[in-house]
Full PDB file with SEQRES, HELIX, SHEET, SSBOND, CRYST1, ORIGX, SCALE, CONECT and MASTER records, all heavy atoms in Angstrom:
SEQRES   1 A   40  VAL PHE VAL GLU LEU GLU ARG MET LEU GLN ARG GLY GLU          
SEQRES   2 A   40  LYS ALA ASP ILE VAL VAL LEU ASP PRO PRO LYS PHE ALA          
SEQRES   3 A   40  ARG ALA ARG ASN ALA VAL ASN GLU ALA LEU LYS GLY TYR          
SEQRES   4 A   40  ARG                                                          
HELIX    1 AA1 PHE A    2  GLN A   10  1                                   9    
HELIX    2 AA2 ARG A   29  ALA A   31  5                                   3    
HELIX    3 AA3 VAL A   32  TYR A   39  1                                   8    
CRYST1    1.000    1.000    1.000  90.00  90.00  90.00 P 1           1          
ORIGX1      1.000000  0.000000  0.000000        0.00000                         
ORIGX2      0.000000  1.000000  0.000000        0.00000                         
ORIGX3      0.000000  0.000000  1.000000        0.00000                         
SCALE1      1.000000  0.000000  0.000000        0.00000                         
SCALE2      0.000000  1.000000  0.000000        0.00000                         
SCALE3      0.000000  0.000000  1.000000        0.00000                         
ATOM      1  N   VAL A   1     120.411 119.088  -1.760  1.00  0.00           N  
ATOM      2  CA  VAL A   1     119.382 118.123  -1.404  1.00  0.00           C  
ATOM      3  C   VAL A   1     119.078 117.179  -2.572  1.00  0.00           C  
ATOM      4  O   VAL A   1     118.943 115.960  -2.402  1.00  0.00           O  
ATOM      5  CB  VAL A   1     118.103 118.820  -0.908  1.00  0.00           C  
ATOM      6  CG1 VAL A   1     116.935 117.820  -0.807  1.00  0.00           C  
ATOM      7  CG2 VAL A   1     118.328 119.480   0.436  1.00  0.00           C  
ATOM      8  N   PHE A   2     118.924 117.725  -3.752  1.00  0.00           N  
ATOM      9  CA  PHE A   2     118.610 116.884  -4.939  1.00  0.00           C  
ATOM     10  C   PHE A   2     119.698 115.834  -5.125  1.00  0.00           C  
ATOM     11  O   PHE A   2     119.415 114.652  -5.336  1.00  0.00           O  
ATOM     12  CB  PHE A   2     118.468 117.755  -6.189  1.00  0.00           C  
ATOM     13  CG  PHE A   2     117.265 118.623  -6.213  1.00  0.00           C  
ATOM     14  CD1 PHE A   2     117.265 119.921  -5.738  1.00  0.00           C  
ATOM     15  CD2 PHE A   2     116.043 118.108  -6.706  1.00  0.00           C  
ATOM     16  CE1 PHE A   2     116.133 120.721  -5.774  1.00  0.00           C  
ATOM     17  CE2 PHE A   2     114.909 118.912  -6.747  1.00  0.00           C  
ATOM     18  CZ  PHE A   2     114.954 120.210  -6.279  1.00  0.00           C  
ATOM     19  N   VAL A   3     120.961 116.284  -5.048  1.00  0.00           N  
ATOM     20  CA  VAL A   3     122.089 115.357  -5.271  1.00  0.00           C  
ATOM     21  C   VAL A   3     122.130 114.313  -4.197  1.00  0.00           C  
ATOM     22  O   VAL A   3     122.324 113.133  -4.452  1.00  0.00           O  
ATOM     23  CB  VAL A   3     123.405 116.159  -5.306  1.00  0.00           C  
ATOM     24  CG1 VAL A   3     124.623 115.220  -5.364  1.00  0.00           C  
ATOM     25  CG2 VAL A   3     123.437 117.081  -6.528  1.00  0.00           C  
ATOM     26  N   GLU A   4     121.929 114.690  -2.938  1.00  0.00           N  
ATOM     27  CA  GLU A   4     121.993 113.754  -1.811  1.00  0.00           C  
ATOM     28  C   GLU A   4     120.865 112.728  -1.900  1.00  0.00           C  
ATOM     29  O   GLU A   4     121.082 111.525  -1.598  1.00  0.00           O  
ATOM     30  CB  GLU A   4     121.969 114.466  -0.479  1.00  0.00           C  
ATOM     31  CG  GLU A   4     122.152 113.578   0.737  1.00  0.00           C  
ATOM     32  CD  GLU A   4     123.483 112.820   0.738  1.00  0.00           C  
ATOM     33  OE1 GLU A   4     124.435 113.260   0.039  1.00  0.00           O  
ATOM     34  OE2 GLU A   4     123.536 111.793   1.433  1.00  0.00           O  
ATOM     35  N   LEU A   5     119.679 113.150  -2.257  1.00  0.00           N  
ATOM     36  CA  LEU A   5     118.555 112.180  -2.378  1.00  0.00           C  
ATOM     37  C   LEU A   5     118.838 111.169  -3.489  1.00  0.00           C  
ATOM     38  O   LEU A   5     118.542 109.987  -3.370  1.00  0.00           O  
ATOM     39  CB  LEU A   5     117.238 112.901  -2.609  1.00  0.00           C  
ATOM     40  CG  LEU A   5     116.730 113.795  -1.459  1.00  0.00           C  
ATOM     41  CD1 LEU A   5     115.392 114.436  -1.843  1.00  0.00           C  
ATOM     42  CD2 LEU A   5     116.615 113.034  -0.148  1.00  0.00           C  
ATOM     43  N   GLU A   6     119.453 111.651  -4.576  1.00  0.00           N  
ATOM     44  CA  GLU A   6     119.838 110.748  -5.642  1.00  0.00           C  
ATOM     45  C   GLU A   6     120.873 109.726  -5.134  1.00  0.00           C  
ATOM     46  O   GLU A   6     120.810 108.536  -5.448  1.00  0.00           O  
ATOM     47  CB  GLU A   6     120.439 111.548  -6.812  1.00  0.00           C  
ATOM     48  CG  GLU A   6     119.462 112.390  -7.591  1.00  0.00           C  
ATOM     49  CD  GLU A   6     118.721 111.582  -8.669  1.00  0.00           C  
ATOM     50  OE1 GLU A   6     118.828 110.339  -8.665  1.00  0.00           O  
ATOM     51  OE2 GLU A   6     118.029 112.224  -9.484  1.00  0.00           O  
ATOM     52  N   ARG A   7     121.859 110.190  -4.351  1.00  0.00           N  
ATOM     53  CA  ARG A   7     122.861 109.302  -3.792  1.00  0.00           C  
ATOM     54  C   ARG A   7     122.248 108.257  -2.891  1.00  0.00           C  
ATOM     55  O   ARG A   7     122.639 107.082  -2.898  1.00  0.00           O  
ATOM     56  CB  ARG A   7     123.907 110.121  -3.019  1.00  0.00           C  
ATOM     57  CG  ARG A   7     124.855 110.927  -3.861  1.00  0.00           C  
ATOM     58  CD  ARG A   7     125.761 111.775  -2.998  1.00  0.00           C  
ATOM     59  NE  ARG A   7     126.639 112.610  -3.754  1.00  0.00           N  
ATOM     60  CZ  ARG A   7     127.185 113.738  -3.318  1.00  0.00           C  
ATOM     61  NH1 ARG A   7     126.923 114.132  -2.068  1.00  0.00           N  
ATOM     62  NH2 ARG A   7     127.990 114.457  -4.063  1.00  0.00           N  
ATOM     63  N   MET A   8     121.275 108.675  -2.115  1.00  0.00           N  
ATOM     64  CA  MET A   8     120.618 107.743  -1.212  1.00  0.00           C  
ATOM     65  C   MET A   8     119.917 106.630  -2.003  1.00  0.00           C  
ATOM     66  O   MET A   8     119.941 105.451  -1.612  1.00  0.00           O  
ATOM     67  CB  MET A   8     119.620 108.471  -0.323  1.00  0.00           C  
ATOM     68  CG  MET A   8     120.296 109.440   0.647  1.00  0.00           C  
ATOM     69  SD  MET A   8     119.086 110.314   1.707  1.00  0.00           S  
ATOM     70  CE  MET A   8     118.672 108.965   2.837  1.00  0.00           C  
ATOM     71  N   LEU A   9     119.287 107.000  -3.113  1.00  0.00           N  
ATOM     72  CA  LEU A   9     118.642 106.015  -3.934  1.00  0.00           C  
ATOM     73  C   LEU A   9     119.661 105.037  -4.531  1.00  0.00           C  
ATOM     74  O   LEU A   9     119.434 103.839  -4.563  1.00  0.00           O  
ATOM     75  CB  LEU A   9     117.878 106.700  -5.098  1.00  0.00           C  
ATOM     76  CG  LEU A   9     116.556 107.331  -4.733  1.00  0.00           C  
ATOM     77  CD1 LEU A   9     115.973 108.116  -5.899  1.00  0.00           C  
ATOM     78  CD2 LEU A   9     115.562 106.274  -4.290  1.00  0.00           C  
ATOM     79  N   GLN A  10     120.799 105.580  -4.969  1.00  0.00           N  
ATOM     80  CA  GLN A  10     121.855 104.738  -5.522  1.00  0.00           C  
ATOM     81  C   GLN A  10     122.400 103.781  -4.493  1.00  0.00           C  
ATOM     82  O   GLN A  10     122.818 102.653  -4.843  1.00  0.00           O  
ATOM     83  CB  GLN A  10     122.964 105.606  -6.104  1.00  0.00           C  
ATOM     84  CG  GLN A  10     122.562 106.394  -7.335  1.00  0.00           C  
ATOM     85  CD  GLN A  10     123.567 107.473  -7.712  1.00  0.00           C  
ATOM     86  OE1 GLN A  10     124.664 107.563  -7.121  1.00  0.00           O  
ATOM     87  NE2 GLN A  10     123.209 108.292  -8.698  1.00  0.00           N  
ATOM     88  N   ARG A  11     122.398 104.172  -3.201  1.00  0.00           N  
ATOM     89  CA  ARG A  11     122.863 103.315  -2.130  1.00  0.00           C  
ATOM     90  C   ARG A  11     121.800 102.312  -1.670  1.00  0.00           C  
ATOM     91  O   ARG A  11     122.021 101.527  -0.777  1.00  0.00           O  
ATOM     92  CB  ARG A  11     123.317 104.174  -0.938  1.00  0.00           C  
ATOM     93  CG  ARG A  11     124.536 105.073  -1.220  1.00  0.00           C  
ATOM     94  CD  ARG A  11     125.142 105.618   0.091  1.00  0.00           C  
ATOM     95  NE  ARG A  11     124.227 106.504   0.782  1.00  0.00           N  
ATOM     96  CZ  ARG A  11     124.297 107.836   0.754  1.00  0.00           C  
ATOM     97  NH1 ARG A  11     125.223 108.432  -0.002  1.00  0.00           N  
ATOM     98  NH2 ARG A  11     123.464 108.574   1.465  1.00  0.00           N  
ATOM     99  N   GLY A  12     120.622 102.435  -2.278  1.00  0.00           N  
ATOM    100  CA  GLY A  12     119.533 101.514  -1.941  1.00  0.00           C  
ATOM    101  C   GLY A  12     118.886 101.816  -0.615  1.00  0.00           C  
ATOM    102  O   GLY A  12     118.244 100.932  -0.016  1.00  0.00           O  
ATOM    103  N   GLU A  13     118.998 103.051  -0.127  1.00  0.00           N  
ATOM    104  CA  GLU A  13     118.398 103.407   1.183  1.00  0.00           C  
ATOM    105  C   GLU A  13     116.912 103.648   1.087  1.00  0.00           C  
ATOM    106  O   GLU A  13     116.389 104.027   0.024  1.00  0.00           O  
ATOM    107  CB  GLU A  13     119.119 104.641   1.732  1.00  0.00           C  
ATOM    108  CG  GLU A  13     120.615 104.404   1.977  1.00  0.00           C  
ATOM    109  CD  GLU A  13     121.276 105.580   2.648  1.00  0.00           C  
ATOM    110  OE1 GLU A  13     120.613 106.303   3.407  1.00  0.00           O  
ATOM    111  OE2 GLU A  13     122.478 105.804   2.422  1.00  0.00           O  
ATOM    112  N   LYS A  14     116.209 103.435   2.178  1.00  0.00           N  
ATOM    113  CA  LYS A  14     114.756 103.614   2.225  1.00  0.00           C  
ATOM    114  C   LYS A  14     114.408 104.358   3.512  1.00  0.00           C  
ATOM    115  O   LYS A  14     115.188 104.393   4.469  1.00  0.00           O  
ATOM    116  CB  LYS A  14     114.007 102.288   2.201  1.00  0.00           C  
ATOM    117  CG  LYS A  14     114.114 101.544   0.865  1.00  0.00           C  
ATOM    118  CD  LYS A  14     113.324 102.267  -0.202  1.00  0.00           C  
ATOM    119  CE  LYS A  14     113.332 101.532  -1.520  1.00  0.00           C  
ATOM    120  NZ  LYS A  14     112.550 102.232  -2.580  1.00  0.00           N  
ATOM    121  N   ALA A  15     113.213 104.970   3.530  1.00  0.00           N  
ATOM    122  CA  ALA A  15     112.752 105.684   4.722  1.00  0.00           C  
ATOM    123  C   ALA A  15     111.266 105.439   4.918  1.00  0.00           C  
ATOM    124  O   ALA A  15     110.537 105.080   3.983  1.00  0.00           O  
ATOM    125  CB  ALA A  15     113.038 107.181   4.563  1.00  0.00           C  
ATOM    126  N   ASP A  16     110.820 105.662   6.153  1.00  0.00           N  
ATOM    127  CA  ASP A  16     109.386 105.570   6.478  1.00  0.00           C  
ATOM    128  C   ASP A  16     108.680 106.906   6.313  1.00  0.00           C  
ATOM    129  O   ASP A  16     107.476 106.957   6.036  1.00  0.00           O  
ATOM    130  CB  ASP A  16     109.224 105.094   7.899  1.00  0.00           C  
ATOM    131  CG  ASP A  16     109.914 103.746   8.149  1.00  0.00           C  
ATOM    132  OD1 ASP A  16     109.492 102.770   7.522  1.00  0.00           O  
ATOM    133  OD2 ASP A  16     110.859 103.712   8.934  1.00  0.00           O  
ATOM    134  N   ILE A  17     109.405 107.980   6.543  1.00  0.00           N  
ATOM    135  CA  ILE A  17     108.862 109.321   6.357  1.00  0.00           C  
ATOM    136  C   ILE A  17     109.861 110.163   5.612  1.00  0.00           C  
ATOM    137  O   ILE A  17     111.052 110.199   5.949  1.00  0.00           O  
ATOM    138  CB  ILE A  17     108.559 110.010   7.744  1.00  0.00           C  
ATOM    139  CG1 ILE A  17     107.502 109.214   8.520  1.00  0.00           C  
ATOM    140  CG2 ILE A  17     108.086 111.440   7.532  1.00  0.00           C  
ATOM    141  CD1 ILE A  17     107.224 109.771   9.905  1.00  0.00           C  
ATOM    142  N   VAL A  18     109.418 110.860   4.564  1.00  0.00           N  
ATOM    143  CA  VAL A  18     110.264 111.802   3.820  1.00  0.00           C  
ATOM    144  C   VAL A  18     109.581 113.169   3.870  1.00  0.00           C  
ATOM    145  O   VAL A  18     108.437 113.333   3.438  1.00  0.00           O  
ATOM    146  CB  VAL A  18     110.494 111.368   2.360  1.00  0.00           C  
ATOM    147  CG1 VAL A  18     111.234 112.450   1.607  1.00  0.00           C  
ATOM    148  CG2 VAL A  18     111.222 110.061   2.298  1.00  0.00           C  
ATOM    149  N   VAL A  19     110.290 114.147   4.453  1.00  0.00           N  
ATOM    150  CA  VAL A  19     109.784 115.506   4.532  1.00  0.00           C  
ATOM    151  C   VAL A  19     110.530 116.353   3.495  1.00  0.00           C  
ATOM    152  O   VAL A  19     111.748 116.441   3.509  1.00  0.00           O  
ATOM    153  CB  VAL A  19     110.003 116.124   5.931  1.00  0.00           C  
ATOM    154  CG1 VAL A  19     109.514 117.557   5.982  1.00  0.00           C  
ATOM    155  CG2 VAL A  19     109.339 115.261   6.999  1.00  0.00           C  
ATOM    156  N   LEU A  20     109.774 116.971   2.613  1.00  0.00           N  
ATOM    157  CA  LEU A  20     110.338 117.841   1.565  1.00  0.00           C  
ATOM    158  C   LEU A  20     109.825 119.246   1.807  1.00  0.00           C  
ATOM    159  O   LEU A  20     108.648 119.553   1.573  1.00  0.00           O  
ATOM    160  CB  LEU A  20     109.895 117.338   0.182  1.00  0.00           C  
ATOM    161  CG  LEU A  20     110.248 115.885  -0.163  1.00  0.00           C  
ATOM    162  CD1 LEU A  20     109.577 115.471  -1.472  1.00  0.00           C  
ATOM    163  CD2 LEU A  20     111.753 115.687  -0.227  1.00  0.00           C  
ATOM    164  N   ASP A  21     110.675 120.122   2.307  1.00  0.00           N  
ATOM    165  CA  ASP A  21     110.292 121.489   2.688  1.00  0.00           C  
ATOM    166  C   ASP A  21     111.245 122.471   2.020  1.00  0.00           C  
ATOM    167  O   ASP A  21     112.057 123.122   2.698  1.00  0.00           O  
ATOM    168  CB  ASP A  21     110.304 121.622   4.190  1.00  0.00           C  
ATOM    169  CG  ASP A  21     109.811 123.003   4.665  1.00  0.00           C  
ATOM    170  OD1 ASP A  21     109.108 123.678   3.888  1.00  0.00           O  
ATOM    171  OD2 ASP A  21     110.150 123.402   5.795  1.00  0.00           O  
ATOM    172  N   PRO A  22     111.225 122.597   0.695  1.00  0.00           N  
ATOM    173  CA  PRO A  22     112.182 123.408  -0.013  1.00  0.00           C  
ATOM    174  C   PRO A  22     111.938 124.912   0.147  1.00  0.00           C  
ATOM    175  O   PRO A  22     110.822 125.343   0.539  1.00  0.00           O  
ATOM    176  CB  PRO A  22     111.972 122.998  -1.468  1.00  0.00           C  
ATOM    177  CG  PRO A  22     110.509 122.608  -1.566  1.00  0.00           C  
ATOM    178  CD  PRO A  22     110.236 121.974  -0.231  1.00  0.00           C  
ATOM    179  N   PRO A  23     112.930 125.718  -0.163  1.00  0.00           N  
ATOM    180  CA  PRO A  23     112.729 127.174  -0.186  1.00  0.00           C  
ATOM    181  C   PRO A  23     111.802 127.569  -1.333  1.00  0.00           C  
ATOM    182  O   PRO A  23     111.405 126.749  -2.155  1.00  0.00           O  
ATOM    183  CB  PRO A  23     114.141 127.738  -0.393  1.00  0.00           C  
ATOM    184  CG  PRO A  23     114.856 126.659  -1.110  1.00  0.00           C  
ATOM    185  CD  PRO A  23     114.286 125.361  -0.573  1.00  0.00           C  
ATOM    186  N   LYS A  24     111.461 128.841  -1.402  1.00  0.00           N  
ATOM    187  CA  LYS A  24     110.540 129.328  -2.445  1.00  0.00           C  
ATOM    188  C   LYS A  24     111.204 129.135  -3.833  1.00  0.00           C  
ATOM    189  O   LYS A  24     112.255 129.678  -4.095  1.00  0.00           O  
ATOM    190  CB  LYS A  24     110.242 130.807  -2.220  1.00  0.00           C  
ATOM    191  CG  LYS A  24     109.193 131.372  -3.151  1.00  0.00           C  
ATOM    192  CD  LYS A  24     108.979 132.860  -2.889  1.00  0.00           C  
ATOM    193  CE  LYS A  24     108.301 133.139  -1.597  1.00  0.00           C  
ATOM    194  NZ  LYS A  24     107.962 134.570  -1.419  1.00  0.00           N  
ATOM    195  N   PHE A  25     110.547 128.346  -4.677  1.00  0.00           N  
ATOM    196  CA  PHE A  25     111.036 128.108  -6.043  1.00  0.00           C  
ATOM    197  C   PHE A  25     110.568 129.165  -7.014  1.00  0.00           C  
ATOM    198  O   PHE A  25     111.222 129.370  -8.037  1.00  0.00           O  
ATOM    199  CB  PHE A  25     110.554 126.723  -6.513  1.00  0.00           C  
ATOM    200  CG  PHE A  25     111.325 125.573  -5.965  1.00  0.00           C  
ATOM    201  CD1 PHE A  25     110.859 124.272  -6.157  1.00  0.00           C  
ATOM    202  CD2 PHE A  25     112.488 125.716  -5.230  1.00  0.00           C  
ATOM    203  CE1 PHE A  25     111.558 123.154  -5.651  1.00  0.00           C  
ATOM    204  CE2 PHE A  25     113.193 124.664  -4.703  1.00  0.00           C  
ATOM    205  CZ  PHE A  25     112.717 123.360  -4.924  1.00  0.00           C  
ATOM    206  N   ALA A  26     109.413 129.800  -6.773  1.00  0.00           N  
ATOM    207  CA  ALA A  26     108.872 130.774  -7.709  1.00  0.00           C  
ATOM    208  C   ALA A  26     108.698 132.126  -7.049  1.00  0.00           C  
ATOM    209  O   ALA A  26     107.828 132.289  -6.183  1.00  0.00           O  
ATOM    210  CB  ALA A  26     107.532 130.277  -8.247  1.00  0.00           C  
ATOM    211  N   ARG A  27     109.549 133.077  -7.418  1.00  0.00           N  
ATOM    212  CA  ARG A  27     109.439 134.429  -6.865  1.00  0.00           C  
ATOM    213  C   ARG A  27     108.731 135.389  -7.802  1.00  0.00           C  
ATOM    214  O   ARG A  27     108.439 136.535  -7.449  1.00  0.00           O  
ATOM    215  CB  ARG A  27     110.842 134.981  -6.517  1.00  0.00           C  
ATOM    216  CG  ARG A  27     111.501 134.190  -5.432  1.00  0.00           C  
ATOM    217  CD  ARG A  27     112.841 134.814  -4.979  1.00  0.00           C  
ATOM    218  NE  ARG A  27     113.388 134.078  -3.860  1.00  0.00           N  
ATOM    219  CZ  ARG A  27     113.091 134.269  -2.590  1.00  0.00           C  
ATOM    220  NH1 ARG A  27     112.223 135.198  -2.282  1.00  0.00           N  
ATOM    221  NH2 ARG A  27     113.639 133.546  -1.650  1.00  0.00           N  
ATOM    222  N   ALA A  28     108.495 134.926  -9.037  1.00  0.00           N  
ATOM    223  CA  ALA A  28     107.764 135.719 -10.024  1.00  0.00           C  
ATOM    224  C   ALA A  28     106.861 134.757 -10.823  1.00  0.00           C  
ATOM    225  O   ALA A  28     107.150 133.571 -10.933  1.00  0.00           O  
ATOM    226  CB  ALA A  28     108.697 136.473 -10.946  1.00  0.00           C  
ATOM    227  N   ARG A  29     105.783 135.314 -11.400  1.00  0.00           N  
ATOM    228  CA  ARG A  29     104.814 134.476 -12.106  1.00  0.00           C  
ATOM    229  C   ARG A  29     105.475 133.719 -13.258  1.00  0.00           C  
ATOM    230  O   ARG A  29     105.089 132.586 -13.574  1.00  0.00           O  
ATOM    231  CB  ARG A  29     103.627 135.306 -12.598  1.00  0.00           C  
ATOM    232  CG  ARG A  29     102.434 134.506 -12.976  1.00  0.00           C  
ATOM    233  CD  ARG A  29     101.188 135.342 -13.026  1.00  0.00           C  
ATOM    234  NE  ARG A  29     100.812 135.850 -11.712  1.00  0.00           N  
ATOM    235  CZ  ARG A  29     100.167 135.172 -10.792  1.00  0.00           C  
ATOM    236  NH1 ARG A  29      99.853 133.902 -10.995  1.00  0.00           N  
ATOM    237  NH2 ARG A  29      99.837 135.731  -9.647  1.00  0.00           N  
ATOM    238  N   ASN A  30     106.439 134.360 -13.906  1.00  0.00           N  
ATOM    239  CA  ASN A  30     107.074 133.684 -15.065  1.00  0.00           C  
ATOM    240  C   ASN A  30     108.017 132.538 -14.644  1.00  0.00           C  
ATOM    241  O   ASN A  30     108.591 131.875 -15.495  1.00  0.00           O  
ATOM    242  CB  ASN A  30     107.848 134.693 -15.925  1.00  0.00           C  
ATOM    243  CG  ASN A  30     108.947 135.412 -15.182  1.00  0.00           C  
ATOM    244  OD1 ASN A  30     109.262 135.073 -14.046  1.00  0.00           O  
ATOM    245  ND2 ASN A  30     109.512 136.427 -15.807  1.00  0.00           N  
ATOM    246  N   ALA A  31     108.147 132.351 -13.311  1.00  0.00           N  
ATOM    247  CA  ALA A  31     109.012 131.245 -12.810  1.00  0.00           C  
ATOM    248  C   ALA A  31     108.210 130.034 -12.355  1.00  0.00           C  
ATOM    249  O   ALA A  31     108.792 129.050 -11.892  1.00  0.00           O  
ATOM    250  CB  ALA A  31     109.890 131.763 -11.671  1.00  0.00           C  
ATOM    251  N   VAL A  32     106.868 130.106 -12.458  1.00  0.00           N  
ATOM    252  CA  VAL A  32     106.034 129.020 -11.936  1.00  0.00           C  
ATOM    253  C   VAL A  32     106.284 127.701 -12.596  1.00  0.00           C  
ATOM    254  O   VAL A  32     106.418 126.634 -11.958  1.00  0.00           O  
ATOM    255  CB  VAL A  32     104.540 129.418 -12.007  1.00  0.00           C  
ATOM    256  CG1 VAL A  32     103.664 128.207 -11.692  1.00  0.00           C  
ATOM    257  CG2 VAL A  32     104.247 130.536 -11.010  1.00  0.00           C  
ATOM    258  N   ASN A  33     106.363 127.695 -13.944  1.00  0.00           N  
ATOM    259  CA  ASN A  33     106.568 126.443 -14.673  1.00  0.00           C  
ATOM    260  C   ASN A  33     107.877 125.782 -14.271  1.00  0.00           C  
ATOM    261  O   ASN A  33     107.967 124.551 -14.103  1.00  0.00           O  
ATOM    262  CB  ASN A  33     106.511 126.688 -16.172  1.00  0.00           C  
ATOM    263  CG  ASN A  33     105.100 126.946 -16.660  1.00  0.00           C  
ATOM    264  OD1 ASN A  33     104.127 126.581 -16.028  1.00  0.00           O  
ATOM    265  ND2 ASN A  33     104.983 127.590 -17.800  1.00  0.00           N  
ATOM    266  N   GLU A  34     108.932 126.584 -14.138  1.00  0.00           N  
ATOM    267  CA  GLU A  34     110.236 126.032 -13.737  1.00  0.00           C  
ATOM    268  C   GLU A  34     110.139 125.503 -12.296  1.00  0.00           C  
ATOM    269  O   GLU A  34     110.729 124.476 -11.968  1.00  0.00           O  
ATOM    270  CB  GLU A  34     111.308 127.094 -13.823  1.00  0.00           C  
ATOM    271  CG  GLU A  34     112.734 126.588 -13.796  1.00  0.00           C  
ATOM    272  CD  GLU A  34     113.059 125.668 -14.973  1.00  0.00           C  
ATOM    273  OE1 GLU A  34     112.488 125.856 -16.076  1.00  0.00           O  
ATOM    274  OE2 GLU A  34     113.878 124.749 -14.792  1.00  0.00           O  
ATOM    275  N   ALA A  35     109.382 126.222 -11.446  1.00  0.00           N  
ATOM    276  CA  ALA A  35     109.205 125.767 -10.068  1.00  0.00           C  
ATOM    277  C   ALA A  35     108.504 124.419 -10.028  1.00  0.00           C  
ATOM    278  O   ALA A  35     108.911 123.535  -9.266  1.00  0.00           O  
ATOM    279  CB  ALA A  35     108.404 126.811  -9.274  1.00  0.00           C  
ATOM    280  N   LEU A  36     107.513 124.242 -10.840  1.00  0.00           N  
ATOM    281  CA  LEU A  36     106.792 122.964 -10.864  1.00  0.00           C  
ATOM    282  C   LEU A  36     107.690 121.794 -11.296  1.00  0.00           C  
ATOM    283  O   LEU A  36     107.542 120.678 -10.812  1.00  0.00           O  
ATOM    284  CB  LEU A  36     105.564 123.047 -11.790  1.00  0.00           C  
ATOM    285  CG  LEU A  36     104.419 123.944 -11.275  1.00  0.00           C  
ATOM    286  CD1 LEU A  36     103.330 124.074 -12.330  1.00  0.00           C  
ATOM    287  CD2 LEU A  36     103.816 123.395  -9.972  1.00  0.00           C  
ATOM    288  N   LYS A  37     108.666 122.093 -12.149  1.00  0.00           N  
ATOM    289  CA  LYS A  37     109.632 121.071 -12.530  1.00  0.00           C  
ATOM    290  C   LYS A  37     110.473 120.668 -11.302  1.00  0.00           C  
ATOM    291  O   LYS A  37     110.781 119.499 -11.115  1.00  0.00           O  
ATOM    292  CB  LYS A  37     110.554 121.588 -13.610  1.00  0.00           C  
ATOM    293  CG  LYS A  37     109.898 121.771 -14.985  1.00  0.00           C  
ATOM    294  CD  LYS A  37     110.887 122.309 -16.007  1.00  0.00           C  
ATOM    295  CE  LYS A  37     110.206 122.576 -17.353  1.00  0.00           C  
ATOM    296  NZ  LYS A  37     111.174 123.148 -18.326  1.00  0.00           N  
ATOM    297  N   GLY A  38     110.826 121.651 -10.481  1.00  0.00           N  
ATOM    298  CA  GLY A  38     111.575 121.368  -9.270  1.00  0.00           C  
ATOM    299  C   GLY A  38     110.770 120.533  -8.280  1.00  0.00           C  
ATOM    300  O   GLY A  38     111.291 119.555  -7.740  1.00  0.00           O  
ATOM    301  N   TYR A  39     109.463 120.847  -8.122  1.00  0.00           N  
ATOM    302  CA  TYR A  39     108.630 120.057  -7.225  1.00  0.00           C  
ATOM    303  C   TYR A  39     108.444 118.652  -7.784  1.00  0.00           C  
ATOM    304  O   TYR A  39     108.426 117.666  -7.029  1.00  0.00           O  
ATOM    305  CB  TYR A  39     107.268 120.748  -7.045  1.00  0.00           C  
ATOM    306  CG  TYR A  39     107.348 122.020  -6.249  1.00  0.00           C  
ATOM    307  CD1 TYR A  39     106.953 123.242  -6.800  1.00  0.00           C  
ATOM    308  CD2 TYR A  39     107.833 122.019  -4.930  1.00  0.00           C  
ATOM    309  CE1 TYR A  39     107.034 124.431  -6.077  1.00  0.00           C  
ATOM    310  CE2 TYR A  39     107.926 123.202  -4.212  1.00  0.00           C  
ATOM    311  CZ  TYR A  39     107.534 124.408  -4.774  1.00  0.00           C  
ATOM    312  OH  TYR A  39     107.635 125.563  -4.086  1.00  0.00           O  
ATOM    313  N   ARG A  40     108.324 118.531  -9.105  1.00  0.00           N  
ATOM    314  CA  ARG A  40     108.148 117.227  -9.739  1.00  0.00           C  
ATOM    315  C   ARG A  40     109.341 116.333  -9.431  1.00  0.00           C  
ATOM    316  O   ARG A  40     109.207 115.169  -9.057  1.00  0.00           O  
ATOM    317  CB  ARG A  40     107.988 117.411 -11.240  1.00  0.00           C  
ATOM    318  CG  ARG A  40     107.751 116.080 -12.019  1.00  0.00           C  
ATOM    319  CD  ARG A  40     107.750 116.348 -13.527  1.00  0.00           C  
ATOM    320  NE  ARG A  40     106.776 117.325 -13.887  1.00  0.00           N  
ATOM    321  CZ  ARG A  40     105.486 117.072 -14.144  1.00  0.00           C  
ATOM    322  NH1 ARG A  40     105.077 115.820 -14.070  1.00  0.00           N  
ATOM    323  NH2 ARG A  40     104.658 118.000 -14.470  1.00  0.00           N  
TER     324      ARG A  40                                                      
MASTER        0    0    0    3    0    0    0    6  323    1    0    4          
END                                                                             
């Protein structure tokens, strides 16, 4: 998904609605900071 969204930007594509529903990024408390980077 990250790669494809980057490609879409490079192609100059636009959308009216973007739904971002990723899987669980943080399965342990020590993974929260890394998860926030993913959401960012």
